[in-house]
Amino acid sequence: MLTDARLRAEVAKSEGYLAGIAVDDLSLGEIPLRTRLLREIAAATLRAAFDSWASIGRNGGELVEHYRQAQTERLALLA
């Protein structure tokens, strides 16, 4: 991701979306810890998938496959 401006832009856009998850909570005051953790876990999963995909190069398969693998690994880690 660090060497590809397009990937950085996509991650930034996605992280902006993830930050919006807590907007409803902001109206209630402070963002609950659970919401913060969910947002960070989702963002980390996405970043890991992008990094994995980018490190392999153009012949590394589809990004969506790397994201699915990252989700699977995340679920295994949190189980």
C-alpha atoms as a PDB file:
ATOM      1  CA  MET A   1       0.000   0.000   0.000  1.00  0.00           C
ATOM      2  CA  LEU A   2       2.849   2.351   0.745  1.00  0.00           C
ATOM      3  CA  THR A   3       4.049   2.326  -2.864  1.00  0.00           C
ATOM      4  CA  ASP A   4       0.660   2.618  -4.583  1.00  0.00           C
ATOM      5  CA  ALA A   5      -1.186   5.940  -4.412  1.00  0.00           C
ATOM      6  CA  ARG A   6      -4.404   4.332  -5.665  1.00  0.00           C
ATOM      7  CA  LEU A   7      -4.418   1.821  -2.822  1.00  0.00           C
ATOM      8  CA  ARG A   8      -3.691   4.531  -0.267  1.00  0.00           C
ATOM      9  CA  ALA A   9      -6.640   6.545  -1.597  1.00  0.00           C
ATOM     10  CA  GLU A  10      -8.952   3.539  -1.375  1.00  0.00           C
ATOM     11  CA  VAL A  11      -7.873   2.769   2.184  1.00  0.00           C
ATOM     12  CA  ALA A  12      -8.319   6.405   3.192  1.00  0.00           C
ATOM     13  CA  LYS A  13     -11.806   6.377   1.695  1.00  0.00           C
ATOM     14  CA  SER A  14     -12.648   3.124   3.486  1.00  0.00           C
ATOM     15  CA  GLU A  15     -11.287   4.384   6.791  1.00  0.00           C
ATOM     16  CA  GLY A  16     -13.415   7.496   6.402  1.00  0.00           C
ATOM     17  CA  TYR A  17     -16.433   5.240   5.988  1.00  0.00           C
ATOM     18  CA  LEU A  18     -15.435   3.190   9.023  1.00  0.00           C
ATOM     19  CA  ALA A  19     -15.057   6.350  11.070  1.00  0.00           C
ATOM     20  CA  GLY A  20     -18.662   7.132  10.187  1.00  0.00           C
ATOM     21  CA  ILE A  21     -19.804   3.984  11.996  1.00  0.00           C
ATOM     22  CA  ALA A  22     -19.606   5.859  15.279  1.00  0.00           C
ATOM     23  CA  VAL A  23     -21.466   8.993  14.141  1.00  0.00           C
ATOM     24  CA  ASP A  24     -24.685   7.996  15.914  1.00  0.00           C
ATOM     25  CA  ASP A  25     -22.729   7.378  19.088  1.00  0.00           C
ATOM     26  CA  LEU A  26     -21.252  10.886  18.930  1.00  0.00           C
ATOM     27  CA  SER A  27     -24.686  12.382  19.459  1.00  0.00           C
ATOM     28  CA  LEU A  28     -24.816  10.502  22.751  1.00  0.00           C
ATOM     29  CA  GLY A  29     -21.468  11.836  23.920  1.00  0.00           C
ATOM     30  CA  GLU A  30     -18.282   9.798  23.957  1.00  0.00           C
ATOM     31  CA  ILE A  31     -17.814   6.899  21.538  1.00  0.00           C
ATOM     32  CA  PRO A  32     -18.171   3.589  23.437  1.00  0.00           C
ATOM     33  CA  LEU A  33     -15.048   1.441  23.686  1.00  0.00           C
ATOM     34  CA  ARG A  34     -16.774  -1.428  21.861  1.00  0.00           C
ATOM     35  CA  THR A  35     -17.487   0.816  18.856  1.00  0.00           C
ATOM     36  CA  ARG A  36     -13.887   2.041  18.800  1.00  0.00           C
ATOM     37  CA  LEU A  37     -12.588  -1.530  18.870  1.00  0.00           C
ATOM     38  CA  LEU A  38     -14.930  -2.678  16.094  1.00  0.00           C
ATOM     39  CA  ARG A  39     -13.900   0.245  13.915  1.00  0.00           C
ATOM     40  CA  GLU A  40     -10.176  -0.386  14.460  1.00  0.00           C
ATOM     41  CA  ILE A  41     -10.481  -4.148  13.852  1.00  0.00           C
ATOM     42  CA  ALA A  42     -12.369  -3.545  10.604  1.00  0.00           C
ATOM     43  CA  ALA A  43      -9.803  -0.984   9.435  1.00  0.00           C
ATOM     44  CA  ALA A  44      -6.872  -3.255  10.343  1.00  0.00           C
ATOM     45  CA  THR A  45      -8.427  -6.149   8.424  1.00  0.00           C
ATOM     46  CA  LEU A  46      -8.827  -3.975   5.350  1.00  0.00           C
ATOM     47  CA  ARG A  47      -5.284  -2.585   5.573  1.00  0.00           C
ATOM     48  CA  ALA A  48      -3.826  -6.081   5.989  1.00  0.00           C
ATOM     49  CA  ALA A  49      -5.704  -7.298   2.909  1.00  0.00           C
ATOM     50  CA  PHE A  50      -4.473  -4.355   0.821  1.00  0.00           C
ATOM     51  CA  ASP A  51      -0.896  -4.853   2.007  1.00  0.00           C
ATOM     52  CA  SER A  52      -1.002  -8.587   1.306  1.00  0.00           C
ATOM     53  CA  TRP A  53      -2.408  -8.032  -2.173  1.00  0.00           C
ATOM     54  CA  ALA A  54       0.041  -5.236  -3.006  1.00  0.00           C
ATOM     55  CA  SER A  55       3.088  -7.128  -1.771  1.00  0.00           C
ATOM     56  CA  ILE A  56       2.466 -10.016  -4.165  1.00  0.00           C
ATOM     57  CA  GLY A  57       2.105  -7.759  -7.187  1.00  0.00           C
ATOM     58  CA  ARG A  58      -0.252  -7.730 -10.128  1.00  0.00           C
ATOM     59  CA  ASN A  59      -0.285 -11.530 -10.400  1.00  0.00           C
ATOM     60  CA  GLY A  60      -1.224 -11.982  -6.746  1.00  0.00           C
ATOM     61  CA  GLY A  61      -4.869 -12.713  -7.375  1.00  0.00           C
ATOM     62  CA  GLU A  62      -7.894 -10.588  -6.693  1.00  0.00           C
ATOM     63  CA  LEU A  63      -8.023  -8.116  -3.832  1.00  0.00           C
ATOM     64  CA  VAL A  64     -11.312  -9.604  -2.662  1.00  0.00           C
ATOM     65  CA  GLU A  65      -9.605 -12.957  -2.099  1.00  0.00           C
ATOM     66  CA  HIS A  66      -6.991 -11.317   0.096  1.00  0.00           C
ATOM     67  CA  TYR A  67      -9.771  -9.579   2.026  1.00  0.00           C
ATOM     68  CA  ARG A  68     -11.602 -12.877   2.561  1.00  0.00           C
ATOM     69  CA  GLN A  69      -8.387 -14.464   3.805  1.00  0.00           C
ATOM     70  CA  ALA A  70      -7.790 -11.519   6.150  1.00  0.00           C
ATOM     71  CA  GLN A  71     -11.327 -11.901   7.511  1.00  0.00           C
ATOM     72  CA  THR A  72     -10.772 -15.611   8.067  1.00  0.00           C
ATOM     73  CA  GLU A  73      -7.494 -14.949   9.881  1.00  0.00           C
ATOM     74  CA  ARG A  74      -9.137 -12.210  11.971  1.00  0.00           C
ATOM     75  CA  LEU A  75     -11.926 -14.542  13.042  1.00  0.00           C
ATOM     76  CA  ALA A  76      -9.395 -17.222  13.980  1.00  0.00           C
ATOM     77  CA  LEU A  77      -7.379 -14.744  16.034  1.00  0.00           C
ATOM     78  CA  LEU A  78     -10.422 -13.438  17.884  1.00  0.00           C
ATOM     79  CA  ALA A  79     -11.952 -16.860  18.543  1.00  0.00           C
END
